[in-house]
Every structure is written in structure tokens, then in C-alpha cells.
N, C-alpha and C. Protein backbone atom coordinates (compact mmCIF):
# COMPACT_ATOMS: atom_id res chain seq x y z
N MET A 1 -36.74 65.94 106.55
CA MET A 1 -36.96 67.18 107.29
C MET A 1 -36.23 67.13 108.63
N THR A 2 -35.59 68.23 109.02
CA THR A 2 -34.84 68.25 110.27
C THR A 2 -35.78 68.31 111.46
N ASN A 3 -35.49 67.50 112.46
CA ASN A 3 -36.28 67.48 113.68
C ASN A 3 -36.16 68.82 114.39
N LEU A 4 -37.29 69.31 114.93
CA LEU A 4 -37.27 70.59 115.63
C LEU A 4 -36.29 70.59 116.80
N ALA A 5 -36.08 69.41 117.40
CA ALA A 5 -35.17 69.33 118.54
C ALA A 5 -33.72 69.55 118.13
N ASP A 6 -33.43 69.46 116.83
CA ASP A 6 -32.07 69.68 116.34
C ASP A 6 -31.86 71.11 115.85
N ARG A 7 -32.88 71.97 116.00
CA ARG A 7 -32.72 73.35 115.55
C ARG A 7 -31.60 74.04 116.31
N PRO A 8 -30.86 74.96 115.65
CA PRO A 8 -29.68 75.58 116.27
C PRO A 8 -29.95 76.24 117.62
N ASN A 9 -31.18 76.77 117.85
CA ASN A 9 -31.43 77.48 119.10
C ASN A 9 -31.97 76.56 120.19
N SER A 10 -31.96 75.26 119.95
CA SER A 10 -32.41 74.32 120.97
C SER A 10 -31.21 73.74 121.69
N VAL A 11 -31.45 73.20 122.90
CA VAL A 11 -30.37 72.58 123.66
C VAL A 11 -29.79 71.41 122.88
N ARG A 12 -30.65 70.60 122.31
CA ARG A 12 -30.17 69.45 121.54
C ARG A 12 -29.40 69.93 120.31
N GLY A 13 -29.90 70.99 119.68
CA GLY A 13 -29.20 71.53 118.52
C GLY A 13 -27.82 72.04 118.89
N ASP A 14 -27.71 72.70 120.05
CA ASP A 14 -26.40 73.18 120.51
C ASP A 14 -25.45 72.02 120.75
N ARG A 15 -25.97 70.94 121.34
CA ARG A 15 -25.13 69.77 121.60
C ARG A 15 -24.66 69.15 120.29
N ARG A 16 -25.56 69.09 119.31
CA ARG A 16 -25.20 68.52 118.02
C ARG A 16 -24.13 69.36 117.34
N ARG A 17 -24.30 70.67 117.39
CA ARG A 17 -23.31 71.57 116.79
C ARG A 17 -21.95 71.38 117.46
N GLU A 18 -21.95 71.31 118.79
CA GLU A 18 -20.71 71.09 119.53
C GLU A 18 -20.07 69.76 119.15
N GLN A 19 -20.88 68.74 119.00
CA GLN A 19 -20.37 67.42 118.62
C GLN A 19 -19.70 67.47 117.25
N LEU A 20 -20.31 68.17 116.31
CA LEU A 20 -19.75 68.26 114.97
C LEU A 20 -18.42 69.01 114.98
N VAL A 21 -18.34 70.07 115.78
CA VAL A 21 -17.08 70.82 115.87
C VAL A 21 -15.99 69.96 116.50
N GLU A 22 -16.31 69.28 117.60
CA GLU A 22 -15.32 68.42 118.26
C GLU A 22 -14.86 67.30 117.34
N THR A 23 -15.79 66.75 116.59
CA THR A 23 -15.44 65.70 115.63
C THR A 23 -14.51 66.25 114.56
N GLY A 24 -14.81 67.46 114.08
CA GLY A 24 -13.97 68.07 113.07
C GLY A 24 -12.56 68.35 113.58
N VAL A 25 -12.44 68.79 114.84
CA VAL A 25 -11.12 69.03 115.42
C VAL A 25 -10.34 67.72 115.50
N ALA A 26 -11.00 66.64 115.90
CA ALA A 26 -10.34 65.34 115.99
C ALA A 26 -9.83 64.89 114.62
N LEU A 27 -10.65 65.08 113.59
CA LEU A 27 -10.24 64.71 112.23
C LEU A 27 -9.10 65.60 111.75
N LEU A 28 -9.14 66.87 112.12
CA LEU A 28 -8.07 67.79 111.73
C LEU A 28 -6.74 67.34 112.33
N ARG A 29 -6.76 66.91 113.59
CA ARG A 29 -5.53 66.40 114.22
C ARG A 29 -5.00 65.18 113.49
N GLU A 30 -5.92 64.31 113.08
CA GLU A 30 -5.52 63.02 112.51
C GLU A 30 -5.12 63.11 111.05
N HIS A 31 -5.85 63.91 110.27
CA HIS A 31 -5.68 63.86 108.81
C HIS A 31 -5.44 65.21 108.15
N GLY A 32 -5.43 66.29 108.93
CA GLY A 32 -5.29 67.60 108.32
C GLY A 32 -6.58 68.04 107.65
N TRP A 33 -6.54 69.22 107.01
CA TRP A 33 -7.76 69.75 106.39
C TRP A 33 -8.35 68.85 105.31
N PRO A 34 -7.53 68.13 104.51
CA PRO A 34 -8.14 67.25 103.50
C PRO A 34 -9.05 66.18 104.11
N GLY A 35 -8.82 65.84 105.37
CA GLY A 35 -9.64 64.82 106.02
C GLY A 35 -10.91 65.35 106.64
N VAL A 36 -11.07 66.68 106.65
CA VAL A 36 -12.26 67.28 107.28
C VAL A 36 -13.30 67.56 106.19
N THR A 37 -13.97 66.51 105.76
CA THR A 37 -15.00 66.62 104.74
C THR A 37 -16.37 66.47 105.38
N THR A 38 -17.40 66.85 104.63
CA THR A 38 -18.77 66.71 105.13
C THR A 38 -19.06 65.26 105.48
N ARG A 39 -18.70 64.37 104.57
CA ARG A 39 -18.98 62.95 104.80
C ARG A 39 -18.21 62.42 106.00
N ALA A 40 -16.91 62.76 106.09
CA ALA A 40 -16.09 62.22 107.18
C ALA A 40 -16.60 62.69 108.54
N VAL A 41 -16.93 63.98 108.64
CA VAL A 41 -17.41 64.52 109.92
C VAL A 41 -18.75 63.88 110.28
N ALA A 42 -19.66 63.78 109.31
CA ALA A 42 -20.97 63.20 109.59
C ALA A 42 -20.86 61.73 109.99
N GLU A 43 -20.01 60.99 109.29
CA GLU A 43 -19.85 59.57 109.62
C GLU A 43 -19.25 59.39 111.00
N ARG A 44 -18.20 60.17 111.32
CA ARG A 44 -17.57 60.05 112.63
C ARG A 44 -18.54 60.45 113.74
N ALA A 45 -19.36 61.47 113.48
CA ALA A 45 -20.32 61.95 114.48
C ALA A 45 -21.57 61.11 114.52
N GLY A 46 -21.74 60.21 113.54
CA GLY A 46 -22.93 59.37 113.50
C GLY A 46 -24.19 60.16 113.24
N THR A 47 -24.11 61.12 112.31
CA THR A 47 -25.26 61.97 112.06
C THR A 47 -25.47 62.16 110.57
N ASN A 48 -26.51 62.90 110.22
CA ASN A 48 -26.87 63.16 108.83
C ASN A 48 -26.00 64.29 108.27
N PRO A 49 -25.38 64.09 107.10
CA PRO A 49 -24.58 65.17 106.51
C PRO A 49 -25.36 66.48 106.34
N GLY A 50 -26.67 66.37 106.18
CA GLY A 50 -27.49 67.57 106.01
C GLY A 50 -27.43 68.51 107.20
N LEU A 51 -27.14 67.96 108.38
CA LEU A 51 -27.07 68.80 109.58
C LEU A 51 -25.88 69.76 109.53
N ILE A 52 -24.85 69.39 108.78
CA ILE A 52 -23.70 70.30 108.65
C ILE A 52 -24.13 71.56 107.90
N HIS A 53 -24.90 71.37 106.85
CA HIS A 53 -25.41 72.54 106.13
C HIS A 53 -26.39 73.31 107.02
N TYR A 54 -27.20 72.60 107.77
CA TYR A 54 -28.22 73.24 108.59
C TYR A 54 -27.60 74.09 109.70
N HIS A 55 -26.59 73.55 110.37
CA HIS A 55 -25.99 74.25 111.51
C HIS A 55 -24.91 75.26 111.11
N PHE A 56 -24.22 74.99 109.99
CA PHE A 56 -23.06 75.82 109.63
C PHE A 56 -23.17 76.46 108.25
N GLY A 57 -24.23 76.16 107.51
CA GLY A 57 -24.38 76.71 106.17
C GLY A 57 -23.53 76.01 105.13
N GLY A 58 -22.93 74.87 105.52
CA GLY A 58 -22.09 74.11 104.60
C GLY A 58 -20.70 73.88 105.18
N LEU A 59 -19.84 73.25 104.40
CA LEU A 59 -18.52 72.87 104.87
C LEU A 59 -17.64 74.09 105.22
N PRO A 60 -17.65 75.18 104.44
CA PRO A 60 -16.82 76.33 104.83
C PRO A 60 -17.17 76.86 106.22
N GLY A 61 -18.46 76.91 106.54
CA GLY A 61 -18.86 77.36 107.87
C GLY A 61 -18.40 76.42 108.96
N LEU A 62 -18.46 75.13 108.69
CA LEU A 62 -17.95 74.15 109.65
C LEU A 62 -16.45 74.30 109.82
N HIS A 63 -15.73 74.47 108.71
CA HIS A 63 -14.29 74.67 108.78
C HIS A 63 -13.95 75.87 109.66
N GLU A 64 -14.71 76.96 109.53
CA GLU A 64 -14.44 78.15 110.34
C GLU A 64 -14.67 77.86 111.82
N ALA A 65 -15.75 77.14 112.14
CA ALA A 65 -16.03 76.80 113.54
C ALA A 65 -14.93 75.89 114.10
N ILE A 66 -14.48 74.95 113.30
CA ILE A 66 -13.39 74.06 113.72
C ILE A 66 -12.11 74.86 113.92
N PHE A 67 -11.85 75.78 113.00
CA PHE A 67 -10.64 76.60 113.08
C PHE A 67 -10.65 77.44 114.35
N ARG A 68 -11.80 78.03 114.68
CA ARG A 68 -11.91 78.83 115.90
C ARG A 68 -11.63 77.98 117.13
N ARG A 69 -12.20 76.78 117.16
CA ARG A 69 -11.99 75.91 118.31
C ARG A 69 -10.52 75.48 118.40
N ALA A 70 -9.92 75.13 117.28
CA ALA A 70 -8.52 74.71 117.28
C ALA A 70 -7.61 75.86 117.71
N THR A 71 -7.92 77.07 117.26
CA THR A 71 -7.13 78.24 117.65
C THR A 71 -7.20 78.44 119.16
N ASP A 72 -8.39 78.29 119.71
CA ASP A 72 -8.57 78.43 121.15
C ASP A 72 -7.77 77.38 121.90
N LEU A 73 -7.75 76.16 121.39
CA LEU A 73 -7.03 75.07 122.05
C LEU A 73 -5.52 75.29 122.02
N VAL A 74 -5.03 75.91 120.95
CA VAL A 74 -3.59 76.11 120.79
C VAL A 74 -3.11 77.39 121.46
N VAL A 75 -3.81 78.49 121.22
CA VAL A 75 -3.33 79.81 121.63
C VAL A 75 -3.65 80.13 123.09
N THR A 76 -4.87 79.87 123.51
CA THR A 76 -5.31 80.31 124.84
C THR A 76 -4.44 79.79 125.98
N PRO A 77 -4.08 78.50 126.02
CA PRO A 77 -3.25 78.03 127.14
C PRO A 77 -1.90 78.74 127.22
N LEU A 78 -1.28 79.01 126.07
CA LEU A 78 0.02 79.69 126.07
C LEU A 78 -0.11 81.12 126.59
N VAL A 79 -1.11 81.83 126.08
CA VAL A 79 -1.30 83.21 126.51
C VAL A 79 -1.65 83.27 127.99
N THR A 80 -2.49 82.35 128.45
CA THR A 80 -2.88 82.33 129.87
C THR A 80 -1.66 82.15 130.76
N GLU A 81 -0.77 81.25 130.38
CA GLU A 81 0.45 81.03 131.16
C GLU A 81 1.29 82.30 131.24
N LEU A 82 1.45 82.97 130.11
CA LEU A 82 2.25 84.19 130.09
C LEU A 82 1.61 85.28 130.95
N LEU A 83 0.29 85.40 130.87
CA LEU A 83 -0.39 86.43 131.65
C LEU A 83 -0.29 86.17 133.15
N ASN A 84 -0.19 84.90 133.52
CA ASN A 84 -0.12 84.54 134.93
C ASN A 84 1.31 84.58 135.48
N ALA A 85 2.30 84.80 134.61
CA ALA A 85 3.69 84.86 135.07
C ALA A 85 3.88 86.08 135.96
N GLU A 86 4.74 85.93 136.97
CA GLU A 86 4.95 87.00 137.95
C GLU A 86 5.57 88.23 137.32
N ASP A 87 6.51 88.03 136.40
CA ASP A 87 7.16 89.15 135.73
C ASP A 87 7.74 88.66 134.41
N GLU A 88 8.50 89.54 133.72
CA GLU A 88 9.03 89.17 132.41
C GLU A 88 9.97 87.98 132.47
N ARG A 89 10.77 87.92 133.51
CA ARG A 89 11.73 86.82 133.61
C ARG A 89 11.03 85.48 133.85
N ALA A 90 9.96 85.53 134.62
CA ALA A 90 9.17 84.31 134.81
C ALA A 90 8.53 83.89 133.49
N ALA A 91 8.10 84.88 132.69
CA ALA A 91 7.53 84.58 131.38
C ALA A 91 8.59 83.97 130.46
N LEU A 92 9.81 84.49 130.52
CA LEU A 92 10.89 83.93 129.71
C LEU A 92 11.20 82.49 130.13
N ALA A 93 11.13 82.22 131.43
CA ALA A 93 11.36 80.85 131.90
C ALA A 93 10.29 79.91 131.35
N LEU A 94 9.05 80.39 131.28
CA LEU A 94 7.99 79.58 130.69
C LEU A 94 8.26 79.33 129.21
N MET A 95 8.73 80.36 128.52
CA MET A 95 8.99 80.23 127.10
C MET A 95 10.12 79.24 126.82
N ARG A 96 11.06 79.12 127.76
CA ARG A 96 12.14 78.14 127.59
C ARG A 96 11.57 76.72 127.53
N ASP A 97 10.54 76.48 128.31
CA ASP A 97 9.97 75.14 128.40
C ASP A 97 8.96 74.83 127.29
N MET A 98 8.42 75.88 126.67
CA MET A 98 7.33 75.67 125.71
C MET A 98 7.69 74.77 124.53
N PRO A 99 8.87 74.94 123.90
CA PRO A 99 9.17 74.07 122.76
C PRO A 99 9.20 72.58 123.13
N ASP A 100 9.84 72.24 124.25
CA ASP A 100 9.89 70.83 124.67
C ASP A 100 8.50 70.31 124.98
N ARG A 101 7.70 71.12 125.65
CA ARG A 101 6.34 70.69 125.97
C ARG A 101 5.50 70.52 124.72
N ALA A 102 5.69 71.44 123.76
CA ALA A 102 4.95 71.33 122.50
C ALA A 102 5.35 70.07 121.74
N ALA A 103 6.65 69.78 121.74
CA ALA A 103 7.11 68.57 121.04
C ALA A 103 6.54 67.31 121.67
N ALA A 104 6.33 67.35 122.99
CA ALA A 104 5.78 66.18 123.68
C ALA A 104 4.27 66.07 123.49
N ASP A 105 3.64 67.16 123.05
CA ASP A 105 2.18 67.17 122.86
C ASP A 105 1.89 67.17 121.36
N GLU A 106 2.07 66.01 120.75
CA GLU A 106 1.95 65.93 119.29
C GLU A 106 0.59 66.36 118.76
N PRO A 107 -0.53 65.97 119.40
CA PRO A 107 -1.83 66.41 118.85
C PRO A 107 -1.96 67.93 118.76
N THR A 108 -1.51 68.64 119.79
CA THR A 108 -1.60 70.10 119.76
C THR A 108 -0.65 70.68 118.73
N THR A 109 0.54 70.08 118.60
CA THR A 109 1.49 70.54 117.59
C THR A 109 0.92 70.38 116.19
N ARG A 110 0.24 69.27 115.94
CA ARG A 110 -0.39 69.05 114.64
C ARG A 110 -1.47 70.09 114.39
N LEU A 111 -2.25 70.39 115.42
CA LEU A 111 -3.28 71.41 115.27
C LEU A 111 -2.65 72.76 114.91
N ALA A 112 -1.57 73.11 115.60
CA ALA A 112 -0.91 74.38 115.34
C ALA A 112 -0.44 74.46 113.89
N ALA A 113 0.13 73.36 113.39
CA ALA A 113 0.60 73.34 112.01
C ALA A 113 -0.57 73.50 111.04
N GLU A 114 -1.69 72.85 111.34
CA GLU A 114 -2.85 72.94 110.45
C GLU A 114 -3.49 74.32 110.49
N LEU A 115 -3.35 75.02 111.61
CA LEU A 115 -3.86 76.39 111.66
C LEU A 115 -3.12 77.27 110.66
N ILE A 116 -1.81 77.10 110.59
CA ILE A 116 -1.02 77.88 109.64
C ILE A 116 -1.41 77.52 108.21
N VAL A 117 -1.54 76.22 107.95
CA VAL A 117 -1.93 75.77 106.61
C VAL A 117 -3.29 76.35 106.23
N GLY A 118 -4.25 76.23 107.13
CA GLY A 118 -5.60 76.73 106.85
C GLY A 118 -5.62 78.24 106.64
N ALA A 119 -4.89 78.96 107.47
CA ALA A 119 -4.89 80.43 107.38
C ALA A 119 -4.26 80.92 106.10
N THR A 120 -3.27 80.21 105.59
CA THR A 120 -2.60 80.64 104.36
C THR A 120 -3.38 80.25 103.11
N ARG A 121 -4.21 79.22 103.21
CA ARG A 121 -4.96 78.76 102.04
C ARG A 121 -6.35 79.38 101.93
N ASP A 122 -6.94 79.76 103.06
CA ASP A 122 -8.31 80.26 103.07
C ASP A 122 -8.33 81.63 103.74
N PRO A 123 -8.61 82.69 102.98
CA PRO A 123 -8.60 84.04 103.56
C PRO A 123 -9.54 84.19 104.76
N ALA A 124 -10.68 83.52 104.73
CA ALA A 124 -11.63 83.63 105.85
C ALA A 124 -11.01 83.07 107.13
N LEU A 125 -10.29 81.97 107.02
CA LEU A 125 -9.62 81.40 108.19
C LEU A 125 -8.45 82.28 108.62
N GLY A 126 -7.79 82.89 107.64
CA GLY A 126 -6.71 83.81 107.96
C GLY A 126 -7.20 84.98 108.82
N VAL A 127 -8.41 85.46 108.54
CA VAL A 127 -8.99 86.55 109.34
C VAL A 127 -9.23 86.10 110.77
N VAL A 128 -9.71 84.86 110.94
CA VAL A 128 -9.95 84.33 112.28
C VAL A 128 -8.65 84.29 113.08
N LEU A 129 -7.58 83.76 112.46
CA LEU A 129 -6.30 83.68 113.16
C LEU A 129 -5.73 85.06 113.43
N ARG A 130 -5.86 85.96 112.46
CA ARG A 130 -5.39 87.34 112.65
C ARG A 130 -6.05 87.97 113.86
N ASP A 131 -7.37 87.84 113.96
CA ASP A 131 -8.10 88.45 115.06
C ASP A 131 -7.71 87.83 116.40
N GLU A 132 -7.50 86.52 116.42
CA GLU A 132 -7.11 85.87 117.66
C GLU A 132 -5.71 86.31 118.10
N LEU A 133 -4.80 86.44 117.16
CA LEU A 133 -3.45 86.90 117.49
C LEU A 133 -3.47 88.36 117.96
N ARG A 134 -4.32 89.16 117.35
CA ARG A 134 -4.46 90.55 117.80
C ARG A 134 -4.97 90.59 119.24
N ARG A 135 -5.93 89.73 119.54
CA ARG A 135 -6.47 89.67 120.90
C ARG A 135 -5.37 89.26 121.88
N ALA A 136 -4.57 88.27 121.50
CA ALA A 136 -3.48 87.80 122.37
C ALA A 136 -2.48 88.92 122.61
N ARG A 137 -2.12 89.65 121.54
CA ARG A 137 -1.17 90.75 121.69
C ARG A 137 -1.72 91.83 122.61
N GLY A 138 -3.01 92.09 122.49
CA GLY A 138 -3.63 93.09 123.35
C GLY A 138 -3.58 92.69 124.82
N LEU A 139 -3.85 91.43 125.11
CA LEU A 139 -3.79 90.94 126.49
C LEU A 139 -2.38 91.02 127.05
N ILE A 140 -1.40 90.65 126.22
CA ILE A 140 0.00 90.69 126.67
C ILE A 140 0.43 92.14 126.89
N ALA A 141 0.02 93.05 126.02
CA ALA A 141 0.37 94.46 126.19
C ALA A 141 -0.23 95.02 127.48
N THR A 142 -1.45 94.62 127.79
CA THR A 142 -2.09 95.07 129.03
C THR A 142 -1.33 94.55 130.25
N ARG A 143 -0.91 93.30 130.19
CA ARG A 143 -0.15 92.74 131.31
C ARG A 143 1.20 93.45 131.45
N LEU A 144 1.85 93.72 130.33
CA LEU A 144 3.12 94.44 130.37
C LEU A 144 2.96 95.84 130.97
N ALA A 145 1.83 96.46 130.67
CA ALA A 145 1.59 97.81 131.20
C ALA A 145 1.55 97.81 132.71
N SER A 146 1.06 96.72 133.30
CA SER A 146 1.02 96.64 134.76
C SER A 146 2.41 96.41 135.35
N LEU A 147 3.29 95.80 134.55
CA LEU A 147 4.66 95.54 135.00
C LEU A 147 5.59 96.70 134.70
N ARG A 148 5.33 97.41 133.61
CA ARG A 148 6.18 98.51 133.16
C ARG A 148 5.33 99.76 132.93
N PRO A 149 4.85 100.39 134.01
CA PRO A 149 3.96 101.54 133.84
C PRO A 149 4.60 102.72 133.14
N GLY A 150 5.93 102.77 133.08
CA GLY A 150 6.60 103.88 132.42
C GLY A 150 6.71 103.73 130.91
N TRP A 151 6.37 102.56 130.39
CA TRP A 151 6.50 102.34 128.95
C TRP A 151 5.36 103.03 128.20
N THR A 152 5.68 103.52 127.01
CA THR A 152 4.65 104.12 126.16
C THR A 152 3.78 103.03 125.55
N ALA A 153 2.62 103.44 125.04
CA ALA A 153 1.71 102.49 124.39
C ALA A 153 2.39 101.83 123.19
N ALA A 154 3.18 102.62 122.45
CA ALA A 154 3.87 102.07 121.28
C ALA A 154 4.87 100.99 121.70
N ARG A 155 5.59 101.25 122.78
CA ARG A 155 6.57 100.27 123.26
C ARG A 155 5.86 98.99 123.74
N LEU A 156 4.76 99.16 124.46
CA LEU A 156 4.01 98.00 124.94
C LEU A 156 3.51 97.15 123.78
N ASP A 157 2.94 97.82 122.77
CA ASP A 157 2.44 97.09 121.60
C ASP A 157 3.59 96.41 120.86
N GLY A 158 4.72 97.10 120.76
CA GLY A 158 5.86 96.52 120.06
C GLY A 158 6.41 95.29 120.75
N VAL A 159 6.56 95.36 122.08
CA VAL A 159 7.07 94.20 122.81
C VAL A 159 6.07 93.06 122.77
N ALA A 160 4.78 93.36 122.89
CA ALA A 160 3.76 92.31 122.82
C ALA A 160 3.81 91.61 121.46
N THR A 161 4.04 92.38 120.40
CA THR A 161 4.15 91.80 119.07
C THR A 161 5.37 90.89 118.98
N LEU A 162 6.49 91.35 119.53
CA LEU A 162 7.70 90.53 119.52
C LEU A 162 7.51 89.24 120.32
N VAL A 163 6.82 89.32 121.45
CA VAL A 163 6.60 88.13 122.27
C VAL A 163 5.79 87.08 121.52
N THR A 164 4.67 87.51 120.93
CA THR A 164 3.83 86.55 120.22
C THR A 164 4.55 85.99 119.00
N ALA A 165 5.28 86.84 118.28
CA ALA A 165 6.02 86.37 117.11
C ALA A 165 7.14 85.42 117.53
N ALA A 166 7.77 85.72 118.67
CA ALA A 166 8.85 84.85 119.15
C ALA A 166 8.34 83.47 119.51
N ILE A 167 7.18 83.42 120.15
CA ILE A 167 6.61 82.11 120.51
C ILE A 167 6.32 81.32 119.25
N ASP A 168 5.64 81.96 118.29
CA ASP A 168 5.32 81.27 117.03
C ASP A 168 6.59 80.80 116.33
N GLY A 169 7.57 81.71 116.25
CA GLY A 169 8.80 81.37 115.54
C GLY A 169 9.59 80.27 116.21
N LEU A 170 9.70 80.34 117.53
CA LEU A 170 10.44 79.31 118.26
C LEU A 170 9.79 77.95 118.09
N MET A 171 8.46 77.93 118.18
CA MET A 171 7.75 76.65 118.02
C MET A 171 7.98 76.07 116.63
N LEU A 172 7.84 76.91 115.62
CA LEU A 172 8.00 76.45 114.24
C LEU A 172 9.43 75.98 113.99
N HIS A 173 10.40 76.77 114.40
CA HIS A 173 11.80 76.39 114.17
C HIS A 173 12.18 75.13 114.96
N TYR A 174 11.64 75.02 116.16
CA TYR A 174 11.96 73.86 116.99
C TYR A 174 11.38 72.58 116.40
N MET A 175 10.21 72.69 115.75
CA MET A 175 9.62 71.53 115.08
C MET A 175 10.54 71.04 113.97
N ILE A 176 11.21 71.98 113.30
CA ILE A 176 12.09 71.63 112.19
C ILE A 176 13.48 71.25 112.68
N ASP A 177 13.94 71.93 113.73
CA ASP A 177 15.30 71.72 114.24
C ASP A 177 15.28 71.58 115.77
N PRO A 178 15.21 70.35 116.28
CA PRO A 178 15.17 70.13 117.74
C PRO A 178 16.42 70.61 118.47
N ASP A 179 17.51 70.88 117.72
CA ASP A 179 18.73 71.39 118.34
C ASP A 179 18.77 72.91 118.41
N LEU A 180 17.66 73.55 118.09
CA LEU A 180 17.59 75.01 118.12
C LEU A 180 18.00 75.53 119.51
N PRO A 181 18.92 76.50 119.58
CA PRO A 181 19.39 77.01 120.88
C PRO A 181 18.37 77.96 121.52
N VAL A 182 17.25 77.40 121.94
CA VAL A 182 16.19 78.23 122.53
C VAL A 182 16.69 78.94 123.77
N GLY A 183 17.42 78.23 124.62
CA GLY A 183 17.91 78.83 125.85
C GLY A 183 18.80 80.03 125.60
N ALA A 184 19.71 79.91 124.63
CA ALA A 184 20.61 81.02 124.31
C ALA A 184 19.83 82.22 123.79
N ALA A 185 18.82 81.97 122.97
CA ALA A 185 18.03 83.06 122.41
C ALA A 185 17.31 83.81 123.52
N LEU A 186 16.71 83.07 124.45
CA LEU A 186 15.96 83.72 125.52
C LEU A 186 16.89 84.37 126.55
N SER A 187 18.09 83.83 126.71
CA SER A 187 19.07 84.48 127.58
C SER A 187 19.46 85.84 127.02
N ALA A 188 19.56 85.92 125.69
CA ALA A 188 19.88 87.19 125.05
C ALA A 188 18.77 88.20 125.30
N VAL A 189 17.52 87.73 125.24
CA VAL A 189 16.39 88.62 125.53
C VAL A 189 16.44 89.09 126.98
N GLU A 190 16.77 88.17 127.88
CA GLU A 190 16.86 88.53 129.30
C GLU A 190 17.95 89.58 129.52
N ASP A 191 19.06 89.46 128.79
CA ASP A 191 20.13 90.47 128.88
C ASP A 191 19.63 91.83 128.43
N LEU A 192 18.81 91.83 127.37
CA LEU A 192 18.26 93.10 126.89
C LEU A 192 17.34 93.74 127.93
N LEU A 193 16.59 92.89 128.64
CA LEU A 193 15.73 93.40 129.70
C LEU A 193 16.57 94.07 130.79
N GLU A 194 17.68 93.44 131.12
CA GLU A 194 18.56 94.00 132.15
C GLU A 194 19.14 95.34 131.70
N GLU A 195 19.49 95.43 130.39
CA GLU A 195 20.12 96.65 129.88
C GLU A 195 19.13 97.79 129.64
N GLY A 196 17.93 97.39 129.16
CA GLY A 196 17.02 98.45 128.72
C GLY A 196 15.70 98.49 129.45
N GLY A 197 15.58 97.76 130.53
CA GLY A 197 14.29 97.67 131.21
C GLY A 197 13.77 98.99 131.73
N SER A 198 14.64 99.94 131.99
CA SER A 198 14.19 101.20 132.58
C SER A 198 13.92 102.28 131.53
N CYS A 199 14.10 101.92 130.23
CA CYS A 199 13.90 102.92 129.18
C CYS A 199 12.42 103.28 129.09
N GLY A 200 12.12 104.49 128.74
CA GLY A 200 10.73 104.91 128.66
C GLY A 200 10.14 104.85 127.28
N SER A 201 10.96 104.62 126.24
CA SER A 201 10.39 104.57 124.89
C SER A 201 11.24 103.69 124.01
């Protein structure tokens, strides 16, 4: 029988749930989704496998909680940096550095790769990633609106979509090809800003 102190609405229960999620994220970094099993998470966390069912309803629920945490660890820092950039050119300068920084941060790069794997294999995880990317695009569009008040909503949404897709694409391509001309690609975008920055639609 589960101890009342481990119930989900108790402080101890919350700590246990957090521990299981953190353990799952660590295993995901090390072994990918095949390594995130009920037994592996329970053994690493030093707890009863039954608590995974109790707190998450089973392994799929735990996988979703791990996926949400991993998404936050990968996506939020990038979006925060872009939102804090002074203007579009400052954001482009940040994007120039992102591939090298990602390559130097192997644990986060592994998490990013596993997010794609998980989202393509499990529709429920795909919904989580979809919603997080939509949220990121919305935040970027709002920031762009403050920089480009003359742009239409459609233009803001379109550019925000291109920005998020560009970050994902650059990271993925750079993982495969370290000689990818990231600087040249972003210089071309900067040229487009110079040519079309004053357009209203």
C-alpha cells in the first residue's frame, strides 16, 4: 500500500514525482527512449516501480512528463535569448552562435534529438511538442510586433514561423554537417531585412 505521505497532493509526493521526472530526463540523455523504462527509472530513483503508476498512471504518463521537462530544457533557453535580443540583428547574431554552442552542449543536443524521435513515434508526445512550438512562435511574434508595429498579423506569424523553423533546421543540419555555412545563411537573412524591413505586408 502506498504511504499517504507519497500521495500526489502532498509535499513529499510532489518531491517524489519531481525526482522521477528528473531521473527519466537523465536516462533519456544517456540511453534515449528505449532506456526510459519503468524498472530503469525506479531503480535509478531508488523507489518502488508502483509509484510510477501511482503518480503518472503508468509509463506513457511518465514519458509525457519527461518529454515536457525535456522540451522546456531545450526550447525555453533559446526562445528567452531571442526575446531578450535588442532587435532582429541582435537576434541573428545570437543565432550565429547557437549551432556551435549546441555542439558543445552534448547532453542538450541529445535531448533535442530524442524529442524529435519521441514526437514522431508517439502522437501524444507529438502534441506536446506541437503546442510548445506554437507557444514559442506566439512569443516571438509578439516580440516582433513591438519591433515592427507596421507589420500585419499574418506577416508577424509568418516570420515567427520562419525563425523557429530556421533554428530547428540549422541545429539539425549542423549536427550532421559541422561545415554548414551558418554565417552565410544568416547574412542572407540580414540582407533581406535591409531590403524589406519597411514593407507593411
